[in-house]
Amino acid sequence: MSAGILEVANAKINLSLEVRGREESGYHQLESLVVFASVADRVICKEADTLGLEISGPFASQLANEDNNLILKAARAFAGALGRDPTVRFELEKNLPIASGIGGGSADAAAALRAMMRLWGDPPGSIEGIALQLGADVPVCMRKRPSFMTGVGESLRTIRRFPEIHAVLANPGVSVSTADVFRRLQAGPVEGPERLPLLQGVETLDRLVIWLEENGNDLEAPATAIEPVIKTVINELQETDGCRLARMSGSGATCFALYDNPFDSSEAAAALKKKHNSWWVTATKFLGTQ
């Protein structure tokens, strides 16, 4: 990657995800505990004569439709808010699998917005408003901090205390359409107050696991019905030595497992890679509060 403004687009992990219901607009009201992993895409932004995007990395070939990329949509939206042309060029190192439930596209869009703010300054109005127009996950990806996400993604509450957690991410090489998962869920209308308890902070992995055992991912069952291999991934993660908890992130198909230490997570990732060499598997850390 060449010189320019570099922003890191960390993978977004939904540790929990509860669907409260479907609005008349078609959007779903969610409640989710979100963290970010050290594994990431990398985005470089620089001044240019015209808007452009160059993609490299292990998953570059899966982004064939360049003009529809969220980075370019973010650039157009940001430049439009400033009343100017999007005269910037981006380089994207695509390290995260596509349509995999870890917010790669949203993280890339958020990274593009942060880079353009550094390049051109703050836009008039709310950068969060621009982010939300691009997608429900983009606002939380702008922050890159442990957060509660509620509503359709517009309401964020930062978790004040959250430990760094060792983890493994695994994707079996299948893409899952978020829209298809929600259609299969068939959520009813939103009813009642928010259900998710407001977690002020977590000091240890033990406390987090206890909380997560009571707050799951409502999209796991419909996603598994579409791609049964997701259940295989979860089972394989659960069987690794030292696994404290394993489940699917977002709408899938990426799954995660939590561990007490980096040795256990590294050993688990190595064992899983050896057994399933076609899967995308990586040991990583979930970033805590800074």
C-alpha atoms as a PDB file:
ATOM      1  CA  MET A   1       0.000   0.000   0.000  1.00  0.00           C
ATOM      2  CA  SER A   2       1.286   3.473  -0.862  1.00  0.00           C
ATOM      3  CA  ALA A   3       1.569   6.614   1.240  1.00  0.00           C
ATOM      4  CA  GLY A   4      -1.575   8.456   2.280  1.00  0.00           C
ATOM      5  CA  ILE A   5      -3.963   8.635   5.214  1.00  0.00           C
ATOM      6  CA  LEU A   6      -4.256   5.143   6.711  1.00  0.00           C
ATOM      7  CA  GLU A   7      -7.306   3.975   8.644  1.00  0.00           C
ATOM      8  CA  VAL A   8      -7.708   0.476  10.071  1.00  0.00           C
ATOM      9  CA  ALA A   9     -11.121  -1.127   9.522  1.00  0.00           C
ATOM     10  CA  ASN A  10     -11.377  -3.624  12.385  1.00  0.00           C
ATOM     11  CA  ALA A  11     -13.779  -6.553  12.154  1.00  0.00           C
ATOM     12  CA  LYS A  12     -17.052  -5.931  14.012  1.00  0.00           C
ATOM     13  CA  ILE A  13     -18.230  -8.778  16.238  1.00  0.00           C
ATOM     14  CA  ASN A  14     -21.782  -9.093  17.557  1.00  0.00           C
ATOM     15  CA  LEU A  15     -21.262 -10.909  20.853  1.00  0.00           C
ATOM     16  CA  SER A  16     -25.032 -10.862  21.321  1.00  0.00           C
ATOM     17  CA  LEU A  17     -27.834  -9.876  18.946  1.00  0.00           C
ATOM     18  CA  GLU A  18     -31.510  -9.766  19.800  1.00  0.00           C
ATOM     19  CA  VAL A  19     -34.175  -8.745  17.279  1.00  0.00           C
ATOM     20  CA  ARG A  20     -36.975  -6.784  18.955  1.00  0.00           C
ATOM     21  CA  GLY A  21     -39.157  -6.679  15.870  1.00  0.00           C
ATOM     22  CA  ARG A  22     -39.746  -5.231  12.434  1.00  0.00           C
ATOM     23  CA  GLU A  23     -40.847  -1.639  11.853  1.00  0.00           C
ATOM     24  CA  GLU A  24     -43.412  -0.662   9.217  1.00  0.00           C
ATOM     25  CA  SER A  25     -40.512   0.824   7.255  1.00  0.00           C
ATOM     26  CA  GLY A  26     -39.041  -2.662   6.923  1.00  0.00           C
ATOM     27  CA  TYR A  27     -36.086  -1.981   9.209  1.00  0.00           C
ATOM     28  CA  HIS A  28     -35.529  -4.220  12.218  1.00  0.00           C
ATOM     29  CA  GLN A  29     -35.076  -2.978  15.779  1.00  0.00           C
ATOM     30  CA  LEU A  30     -32.001  -4.649  17.257  1.00  0.00           C
ATOM     31  CA  GLU A  31     -30.191  -4.872  20.571  1.00  0.00           C
ATOM     32  CA  SER A  32     -26.585  -5.981  20.291  1.00  0.00           C
ATOM     33  CA  LEU A  33     -23.363  -6.029  22.276  1.00  0.00           C
ATOM     34  CA  VAL A  34     -20.656  -5.129  19.749  1.00  0.00           C
ATOM     35  CA  VAL A  35     -16.869  -5.349  20.021  1.00  0.00           C
ATOM     36  CA  PHE A  36     -14.030  -5.054  17.518  1.00  0.00           C
ATOM     37  CA  ALA A  37     -11.263  -7.498  16.665  1.00  0.00           C
ATOM     38  CA  SER A  38      -7.620  -6.785  15.950  1.00  0.00           C
ATOM     39  CA  VAL A  39      -7.919  -8.482  12.534  1.00  0.00           C
ATOM     40  CA  ALA A  40      -8.857  -5.829  10.005  1.00  0.00           C
ATOM     41  CA  ASP A  41      -9.003  -4.410   6.516  1.00  0.00           C
ATOM     42  CA  ARG A  42      -6.747  -1.440   5.786  1.00  0.00           C
ATOM     43  CA  VAL A  43      -7.902   1.686   3.949  1.00  0.00           C
ATOM     44  CA  ILE A  44      -5.641   4.407   2.520  1.00  0.00           C
ATOM     45  CA  CYS A  45      -7.069   7.710   1.260  1.00  0.00           C
ATOM     46  CA  LYS A  46      -5.300  10.399  -0.761  1.00  0.00           C
ATOM     47  CA  GLU A  47      -6.175  13.439  -2.874  1.00  0.00           C
ATOM     48  CA  ALA A  48      -6.794  12.700  -6.563  1.00  0.00           C
ATOM     49  CA  ASP A  49      -8.307  14.189  -9.703  1.00  0.00           C
ATOM     50  CA  THR A  50     -11.251  11.784  -9.687  1.00  0.00           C
ATOM     51  CA  LEU A  51     -12.837   9.256  -7.336  1.00  0.00           C
ATOM     52  CA  GLY A  52     -11.235   5.827  -7.490  1.00  0.00           C
ATOM     53  CA  LEU A  53     -10.665   2.593  -5.614  1.00  0.00           C
ATOM     54  CA  GLU A  54      -7.910  -0.009  -5.887  1.00  0.00           C
ATOM     55  CA  ILE A  55      -8.457  -3.308  -4.072  1.00  0.00           C
ATOM     56  CA  SER A  56      -5.817  -5.827  -3.003  1.00  0.00           C
ATOM     57  CA  GLY A  57      -5.599  -8.560  -0.384  1.00  0.00           C
ATOM     58  CA  PRO A  58      -6.816 -12.153  -0.043  1.00  0.00           C
ATOM     59  CA  PHE A  59     -10.512 -11.309  -0.613  1.00  0.00           C
ATOM     60  CA  ALA A  60     -10.073  -8.679  -3.342  1.00  0.00           C
ATOM     61  CA  SER A  61     -11.445 -10.944  -6.072  1.00  0.00           C
ATOM     62  CA  GLN A  62     -14.825 -11.139  -4.311  1.00  0.00           C
ATOM     63  CA  LEU A  63     -15.402  -7.388  -4.750  1.00  0.00           C
ATOM     64  CA  ALA A  64     -15.966  -7.328  -8.494  1.00  0.00           C
ATOM     65  CA  ASN A  65     -18.544  -4.498  -8.553  1.00  0.00           C
ATOM     66  CA  GLU A  66     -16.223  -1.636  -7.652  1.00  0.00           C
ATOM     67  CA  ASP A  67     -18.713   1.189  -8.283  1.00  0.00           C
ATOM     68  CA  ASN A  68     -21.109  -0.231  -5.687  1.00  0.00           C
ATOM     69  CA  ASN A  69     -18.449  -0.476  -2.960  1.00  0.00           C
ATOM     70  CA  LEU A  70     -19.410   1.164   0.335  1.00  0.00           C
ATOM     71  CA  ILE A  71     -16.113   3.075   0.396  1.00  0.00           C
ATOM     72  CA  LEU A  72     -17.103   4.923  -2.783  1.00  0.00           C
ATOM     73  CA  LYS A  73     -20.623   5.502  -1.454  1.00  0.00           C
ATOM     74  CA  ALA A  74     -19.084   6.946   1.721  1.00  0.00           C
ATOM     75  CA  ALA A  75     -16.821   9.234  -0.299  1.00  0.00           C
ATOM     76  CA  ARG A  76     -19.722  10.538  -2.388  1.00  0.00           C
ATOM     77  CA  ALA A  77     -21.872  11.123   0.695  1.00  0.00           C
ATOM     78  CA  PHE A  78     -19.078  12.901   2.586  1.00  0.00           C
ATOM     79  CA  ALA A  79     -18.083  15.087  -0.358  1.00  0.00           C
ATOM     80  CA  GLY A  80     -21.733  15.884  -1.020  1.00  0.00           C
ATOM     81  CA  ALA A  81     -22.145  17.121   2.545  1.00  0.00           C
ATOM     82  CA  LEU A  82     -19.237  19.504   1.900  1.00  0.00           C
ATOM     83  CA  GLY A  83     -20.652  20.587  -1.458  1.00  0.00           C
ATOM     84  CA  ARG A  84     -17.647  19.401  -3.422  1.00  0.00           C
ATOM     85  CA  ASP A  85     -16.632  16.616  -5.783  1.00  0.00           C
ATOM     86  CA  PRO A  86     -15.204  13.389  -4.284  1.00  0.00           C
ATOM     87  CA  THR A  87     -11.696  13.948  -5.630  1.00  0.00           C
ATOM     88  CA  VAL A  88     -10.041  11.191  -3.610  1.00  0.00           C
ATOM     89  CA  ARG A  89      -8.549   7.804  -4.339  1.00  0.00           C
ATOM     90  CA  PHE A  90      -8.687   4.848  -1.989  1.00  0.00           C
ATOM     91  CA  GLU A  91      -6.623   1.723  -1.613  1.00  0.00           C
ATOM     92  CA  LEU A  92      -8.344  -1.144   0.188  1.00  0.00           C
ATOM     93  CA  GLU A  93      -6.439  -4.137   1.520  1.00  0.00           C
ATOM     94  CA  LYS A  94      -9.277  -6.645   1.866  1.00  0.00           C
ATOM     95  CA  ASN A  95      -8.325  -9.090   4.621  1.00  0.00           C
ATOM     96  CA  LEU A  96     -11.842  -9.891   5.892  1.00  0.00           C
ATOM     97  CA  PRO A  97     -14.233 -12.284   4.112  1.00  0.00           C
ATOM     98  CA  ILE A  98     -17.217 -10.817   2.262  1.00  0.00           C
ATOM     99  CA  ALA A  99     -20.832 -11.041   3.528  1.00  0.00           C
ATOM    100  CA  SER A 100     -19.612 -12.857   6.613  1.00  0.00           C
ATOM    101  CA  GLY A 101     -21.318 -11.202   9.600  1.00  0.00           C
ATOM    102  CA  ILE A 102     -18.292  -9.233  10.816  1.00  0.00           C
ATOM    103  CA  GLY A 103     -19.110  -5.891   9.233  1.00  0.00           C
ATOM    104  CA  GLY A 104     -16.264  -5.740   6.743  1.00  0.00           C
ATOM    105  CA  GLY A 105     -18.060  -3.434   4.315  1.00  0.00           C
ATOM    106  CA  SER A 106     -19.392  -1.239   7.116  1.00  0.00           C
ATOM    107  CA  ALA A 107     -15.963  -1.055   8.743  1.00  0.00           C
ATOM    108  CA  ASP A 108     -14.447  -0.073   5.388  1.00  0.00           C
ATOM    109  CA  ALA A 109     -17.044   2.683   4.921  1.00  0.00           C
ATOM    110  CA  ALA A 110     -16.403   3.986   8.438  1.00  0.00           C
ATOM    111  CA  ALA A 111     -12.653   3.960   7.789  1.00  0.00           C
ATOM    112  CA  ALA A 112     -13.218   5.950   4.594  1.00  0.00           C
ATOM    113  CA  LEU A 113     -15.259   8.548   6.497  1.00  0.00           C
ATOM    114  CA  ARG A 114     -12.616   8.871   9.210  1.00  0.00           C
ATOM    115  CA  ALA A 115      -9.891   9.251   6.577  1.00  0.00           C
ATOM    116  CA  MET A 116     -11.827  11.961   4.741  1.00  0.00           C
ATOM    117  CA  MET A 117     -12.405  13.826   7.999  1.00  0.00           C
ATOM    118  CA  ARG A 118      -8.642  13.832   8.525  1.00  0.00           C
ATOM    119  CA  LEU A 119      -8.118  14.950   4.923  1.00  0.00           C
ATOM    120  CA  TRP A 120     -10.831  17.617   4.562  1.00  0.00           C
ATOM    121  CA  GLY A 121     -12.115  18.312   8.070  1.00  0.00           C
ATOM    122  CA  ASP A 122     -15.506  17.724   9.671  1.00  0.00           C
ATOM    123  CA  PRO A 123     -18.613  17.978   7.482  1.00  0.00           C
ATOM    124  CA  PRO A 124     -21.480  20.304   8.416  1.00  0.00           C
ATOM    125  CA  GLY A 125     -24.081  18.545  10.519  1.00  0.00           C
ATOM    126  CA  SER A 126     -23.632  15.070  11.941  1.00  0.00           C
ATOM    127  CA  ILE A 127     -21.067  12.575  10.698  1.00  0.00           C
ATOM    128  CA  GLU A 128     -23.200   9.936  12.447  1.00  0.00           C
ATOM    129  CA  GLY A 129     -26.085  10.871  10.153  1.00  0.00           C
ATOM    130  CA  ILE A 130     -23.946  10.294   7.082  1.00  0.00           C
ATOM    131  CA  ALA A 131     -22.725   7.010   8.558  1.00  0.00           C
ATOM    132  CA  LEU A 132     -26.257   5.740   9.268  1.00  0.00           C
ATOM    133  CA  GLN A 133     -27.341   6.499   5.698  1.00  0.00           C
ATOM    134  CA  LEU A 134     -24.655   4.090   4.518  1.00  0.00           C
ATOM    135  CA  GLY A 135     -25.776   1.202   6.737  1.00  0.00           C
ATOM    136  CA  ALA A 136     -26.955   0.260  10.218  1.00  0.00           C
ATOM    137  CA  ASP A 137     -23.502  -0.967  11.298  1.00  0.00           C
ATOM    138  CA  VAL A 138     -21.495   2.013  10.036  1.00  0.00           C
ATOM    139  CA  PRO A 139     -22.076   4.316  13.074  1.00  0.00           C
ATOM    140  CA  VAL A 140     -20.749   1.757  15.570  1.00  0.00           C
ATOM    141  CA  CYS A 141     -17.826   1.033  13.231  1.00  0.00           C
ATOM    142  CA  MET A 142     -16.963   4.735  13.351  1.00  0.00           C
ATOM    143  CA  ARG A 143     -16.333   4.383  17.103  1.00  0.00           C
ATOM    144  CA  LYS A 144     -14.520   1.029  17.163  1.00  0.00           C
ATOM    145  CA  ARG A 145     -15.222   0.655  20.896  1.00  0.00           C
ATOM    146  CA  PRO A 146     -17.219  -1.927  22.873  1.00  0.00           C
ATOM    147  CA  SER A 147     -20.805  -0.674  22.615  1.00  0.00           C
ATOM    148  CA  PHE A 148     -24.482  -1.480  22.977  1.00  0.00           C
ATOM    149  CA  MET A 149     -26.210  -0.895  19.651  1.00  0.00           C
ATOM    150  CA  THR A 150     -29.974  -0.435  19.728  1.00  0.00           C
ATOM    151  CA  GLY A 151     -32.696   0.764  17.383  1.00  0.00           C
ATOM    152  CA  VAL A 152     -31.654   0.291  13.758  1.00  0.00           C
ATOM    153  CA  GLY A 153     -28.071   1.142  14.684  1.00  0.00           C
ATOM    154  CA  GLU A 154     -28.486   4.806  15.513  1.00  0.00           C
ATOM    155  CA  SER A 155     -28.466   4.467  19.307  1.00  0.00           C
ATOM    156  CA  LEU A 156     -25.049   3.607  20.766  1.00  0.00           C
ATOM    157  CA  ARG A 157     -23.953   3.279  24.379  1.00  0.00           C
ATOM    158  CA  THR A 158     -20.244   2.884  25.039  1.00  0.00           C
ATOM    159  CA  ILE A 159     -19.305   0.137  27.508  1.00  0.00           C
ATOM    160  CA  ARG A 160     -17.170   1.865  30.125  1.00  0.00           C
ATOM    161  CA  ARG A 161     -15.109  -1.155  31.172  1.00  0.00           C
ATOM    162  CA  PHE A 162     -14.364  -4.081  28.923  1.00  0.00           C
ATOM    163  CA  PRO A 163     -11.365  -6.449  28.972  1.00  0.00           C
ATOM    164  CA  GLU A 164      -9.211  -7.430  26.031  1.00  0.00           C
ATOM    165  CA  ILE A 165     -10.348 -10.930  25.025  1.00  0.00           C
ATOM    166  CA  HIS A 166      -8.517 -13.656  23.142  1.00  0.00           C
ATOM    167  CA  ALA A 167     -10.611 -15.256  20.428  1.00  0.00           C
ATOM    168  CA  VAL A 168     -10.748 -17.275  17.237  1.00  0.00           C
ATOM    169  CA  LEU A 169     -12.787 -16.345  14.161  1.00  0.00           C
ATOM    170  CA  ALA A 170     -13.810 -19.029  11.675  1.00  0.00           C
ATOM    171  CA  ASN A 171     -15.706 -18.788   8.390  1.00  0.00           C
ATOM    172  CA  PRO A 172     -16.437 -21.904   6.299  1.00  0.00           C
ATOM    173  CA  GLY A 173     -16.141 -20.035   3.017  1.00  0.00           C
ATOM    174  CA  VAL A 174     -19.837 -19.346   2.451  1.00  0.00           C
ATOM    175  CA  SER A 175     -21.558 -15.981   2.106  1.00  0.00           C
ATOM    176  CA  VAL A 176     -24.916 -15.429   3.781  1.00  0.00           C
ATOM    177  CA  SER A 177     -27.344 -12.732   2.641  1.00  0.00           C
ATOM    178  CA  THR A 178     -28.430 -10.612   5.610  1.00  0.00           C
ATOM    179  CA  ALA A 179     -31.762  -9.941   3.895  1.00  0.00           C
ATOM    180  CA  ASP A 180     -32.393 -13.677   3.466  1.00  0.00           C
ATOM    181  CA  VAL A 181     -31.635 -14.305   7.144  1.00  0.00           C
ATOM    182  CA  PHE A 182     -34.077 -11.635   8.303  1.00  0.00           C
ATOM    183  CA  ARG A 183     -36.766 -12.900   5.917  1.00  0.00           C
ATOM    184  CA  ARG A 184     -36.440 -16.378   7.367  1.00  0.00           C
ATOM    185  CA  LEU A 185     -36.601 -14.978  10.907  1.00  0.00           C
ATOM    186  CA  GLN A 186     -40.036 -13.463  10.166  1.00  0.00           C
ATOM    187  CA  ALA A 187     -39.918 -10.998  13.046  1.00  0.00           C
ATOM    188  CA  GLY A 188     -43.193  -9.480  14.189  1.00  0.00           C
ATOM    189  CA  PRO A 189     -43.829  -5.812  15.010  1.00  0.00           C
ATOM    190  CA  VAL A 190     -41.807  -4.102  17.733  1.00  0.00           C
ATOM    191  CA  GLU A 191     -43.521  -4.459  21.100  1.00  0.00           C
ATOM    192  CA  GLY A 192     -42.666  -3.357  24.616  1.00  0.00           C
ATOM    193  CA  PRO A 193     -39.565  -1.654  26.016  1.00  0.00           C
ATOM    194  CA  GLU A 194     -35.970  -2.607  25.314  1.00  0.00           C
ATOM    195  CA  ARG A 195     -35.199  -6.055  26.721  1.00  0.00           C
ATOM    196  CA  LEU A 196     -31.426  -6.028  26.758  1.00  0.00           C
ATOM    197  CA  PRO A 197     -30.049  -5.204  30.213  1.00  0.00           C
ATOM    198  CA  LEU A 198     -27.746  -2.203  30.210  1.00  0.00           C
ATOM    199  CA  LEU A 199     -24.345  -3.651  30.989  1.00  0.00           C
ATOM    200  CA  GLN A 200     -22.227  -0.853  32.456  1.00  0.00           C
ATOM    201  CA  GLY A 201     -18.982  -2.757  32.325  1.00  0.00           C
ATOM    202  CA  VAL A 202     -17.271  -6.133  32.411  1.00  0.00           C
ATOM    203  CA  GLU A 203     -14.037  -6.728  34.307  1.00  0.00           C
ATOM    204  CA  THR A 204     -13.382 -10.376  33.454  1.00  0.00           C
ATOM    205  CA  LEU A 205     -14.064 -12.980  30.795  1.00  0.00           C
ATOM    206  CA  ASP A 206     -15.889 -15.068  33.416  1.00  0.00           C
ATOM    207  CA  ARG A 207     -18.489 -12.346  33.936  1.00  0.00           C
ATOM    208  CA  LEU A 208     -18.852 -11.783  30.210  1.00  0.00           C
ATOM    209  CA  VAL A 209     -19.472 -15.471  29.515  1.00  0.00           C
ATOM    210  CA  ILE A 210     -22.160 -15.613  32.213  1.00  0.00           C
ATOM    211  CA  TRP A 211     -23.896 -12.615  30.642  1.00  0.00           C
ATOM    212  CA  LEU A 212     -23.604 -13.964  27.092  1.00  0.00           C
ATOM    213  CA  GLU A 213     -25.084 -17.319  28.097  1.00  0.00           C
ATOM    214  CA  GLU A 214     -28.283 -15.399  28.847  1.00  0.00           C
ATOM    215  CA  ASN A 215     -28.141 -13.197  25.732  1.00  0.00           C
ATOM    216  CA  GLY A 216     -27.702 -15.032  22.440  1.00  0.00           C
ATOM    217  CA  ASN A 217     -27.938 -14.299  18.719  1.00  0.00           C
ATOM    218  CA  ASP A 218     -31.470 -14.464  17.306  1.00  0.00           C
ATOM    219  CA  LEU A 219     -30.099 -14.706  13.763  1.00  0.00           C
ATOM    220  CA  GLU A 220     -28.124 -17.882  14.401  1.00  0.00           C
ATOM    221  CA  ALA A 221     -31.051 -20.270  13.854  1.00  0.00           C
ATOM    222  CA  PRO A 222     -32.314 -18.753  10.572  1.00  0.00           C
ATOM    223  CA  ALA A 223     -28.766 -18.402   9.231  1.00  0.00           C
ATOM    224  CA  THR A 224     -28.036 -22.034  10.089  1.00  0.00           C
ATOM    225  CA  ALA A 225     -31.226 -23.079   8.296  1.00  0.00           C
ATOM    226  CA  ILE A 226     -29.848 -21.392   5.164  1.00  0.00           C
ATOM    227  CA  GLU A 227     -26.271 -22.661   5.603  1.00  0.00           C
ATOM    228  CA  PRO A 228     -26.169 -25.717   7.931  1.00  0.00           C
ATOM    229  CA  VAL A 229     -22.358 -25.659   7.879  1.00  0.00           C
ATOM    230  CA  ILE A 230     -22.559 -22.775  10.373  1.00  0.00           C
ATOM    231  CA  LYS A 231     -23.592 -25.264  13.058  1.00  0.00           C
ATOM    232  CA  THR A 232     -20.586 -27.387  12.132  1.00  0.00           C
ATOM    233  CA  VAL A 233     -18.294 -24.399  12.640  1.00  0.00           C
ATOM    234  CA  ILE A 234     -19.780 -23.665  16.066  1.00  0.00           C
ATOM    235  CA  ASN A 235     -19.463 -27.309  17.116  1.00  0.00           C
ATOM    236  CA  GLU A 236     -15.846 -27.454  15.949  1.00  0.00           C
ATOM    237  CA  LEU A 237     -15.002 -24.301  17.903  1.00  0.00           C
ATOM    238  CA  GLN A 238     -16.720 -25.626  21.028  1.00  0.00           C
ATOM    239  CA  GLU A 239     -14.590 -28.766  20.868  1.00  0.00           C
ATOM    240  CA  THR A 240     -11.268 -26.890  20.881  1.00  0.00           C
ATOM    241  CA  ASP A 241      -9.294 -26.934  24.124  1.00  0.00           C
ATOM    242  CA  GLY A 242     -10.005 -23.941  26.327  1.00  0.00           C
ATOM    243  CA  CYS A 243     -13.097 -22.689  24.491  1.00  0.00           C
ATOM    244  CA  ARG A 244     -15.310 -20.750  26.905  1.00  0.00           C
ATOM    245  CA  LEU A 245     -18.132 -19.911  24.490  1.00  0.00           C
ATOM    246  CA  ALA A 246     -18.759 -20.188  20.742  1.00  0.00           C
ATOM    247  CA  ARG A 247     -21.482 -18.701  18.560  1.00  0.00           C
ATOM    248  CA  MET A 248     -22.190 -16.935  15.285  1.00  0.00           C
ATOM    249  CA  SER A 249     -21.520 -13.222  14.748  1.00  0.00           C
ATOM    250  CA  GLY A 250     -24.098 -10.975  13.096  1.00  0.00           C
ATOM    251  CA  SER A 251     -26.016 -12.689  10.300  1.00  0.00           C
ATOM    252  CA  GLY A 252     -23.164 -15.151   9.651  1.00  0.00           C
ATOM    253  CA  ALA A 253     -21.454 -17.145   8.502  1.00  0.00           C
ATOM    254  CA  THR A 254     -18.419 -16.161  10.617  1.00  0.00           C
ATOM    255  CA  CYS A 255     -18.409 -17.656  14.110  1.00  0.00           C
ATOM    256  CA  PHE A 256     -16.238 -16.840  17.111  1.00  0.00           C
ATOM    257  CA  ALA A 257     -14.935 -18.571  20.205  1.00  0.00           C
ATOM    258  CA  LEU A 258     -13.610 -16.992  23.404  1.00  0.00           C
ATOM    259  CA  TYR A 259     -10.510 -18.135  25.325  1.00  0.00           C
ATOM    260  CA  ASP A 260      -8.703 -17.277  28.548  1.00  0.00           C
ATOM    261  CA  ASN A 261      -5.283 -16.686  26.996  1.00  0.00           C
ATOM    262  CA  PRO A 262      -3.450 -16.269  23.669  1.00  0.00           C
ATOM    263  CA  PHE A 263      -1.906 -19.745  23.862  1.00  0.00           C
ATOM    264  CA  ASP A 264      -5.324 -21.433  23.862  1.00  0.00           C
ATOM    265  CA  SER A 265      -6.647 -19.262  21.026  1.00  0.00           C
ATOM    266  CA  SER A 266      -3.536 -19.772  18.890  1.00  0.00           C
ATOM    267  CA  GLU A 267      -3.571 -23.539  19.437  1.00  0.00           C
ATOM    268  CA  ALA A 268      -7.285 -23.698  18.640  1.00  0.00           C
ATOM    269  CA  ALA A 269      -6.845 -21.720  15.419  1.00  0.00           C
ATOM    270  CA  ALA A 270      -3.948 -23.919  14.322  1.00  0.00           C
ATOM    271  CA  ALA A 271      -5.907 -27.107  15.000  1.00  0.00           C
ATOM    272  CA  LEU A 272      -8.960 -25.829  13.132  1.00  0.00           C
ATOM    273  CA  LYS A 273      -6.887 -24.716  10.129  1.00  0.00           C
ATOM    274  CA  LYS A 274      -5.256 -28.137   9.955  1.00  0.00           C
ATOM    275  CA  LYS A 275      -8.614 -29.913  10.042  1.00  0.00           C
ATOM    276  CA  HIS A 276     -10.419 -27.522   7.663  1.00  0.00           C
ATOM    277  CA  ASN A 277      -7.838 -25.999   5.360  1.00  0.00           C
ATOM    278  CA  SER A 278     -10.502 -24.401   3.137  1.00  0.00           C
ATOM    279  CA  TRP A 279     -11.955 -22.357   6.017  1.00  0.00           C
ATOM    280  CA  TRP A 280     -10.858 -18.853   6.919  1.00  0.00           C
ATOM    281  CA  VAL A 281      -9.574 -19.162  10.487  1.00  0.00           C
ATOM    282  CA  THR A 282      -7.615 -16.662  12.551  1.00  0.00           C
ATOM    283  CA  ALA A 283      -6.634 -16.144  16.167  1.00  0.00           C
ATOM    284  CA  THR A 284      -7.311 -12.565  17.191  1.00  0.00           C
ATOM    285  CA  LYS A 285      -8.041 -10.256  20.108  1.00  0.00           C
ATOM    286  CA  PHE A 286     -11.279  -8.441  20.849  1.00  0.00           C
ATOM    287  CA  LEU A 287     -10.252  -4.921  21.768  1.00  0.00           C
ATOM    288  CA  GLY A 288     -11.195  -3.630  25.210  1.00  0.00           C
ATOM    289  CA  THR A 289     -11.874  -0.104  26.367  1.00  0.00           C
ATOM    290  CA  GLN A 290      -8.809   2.084  26.025  1.00  0.00           C
END
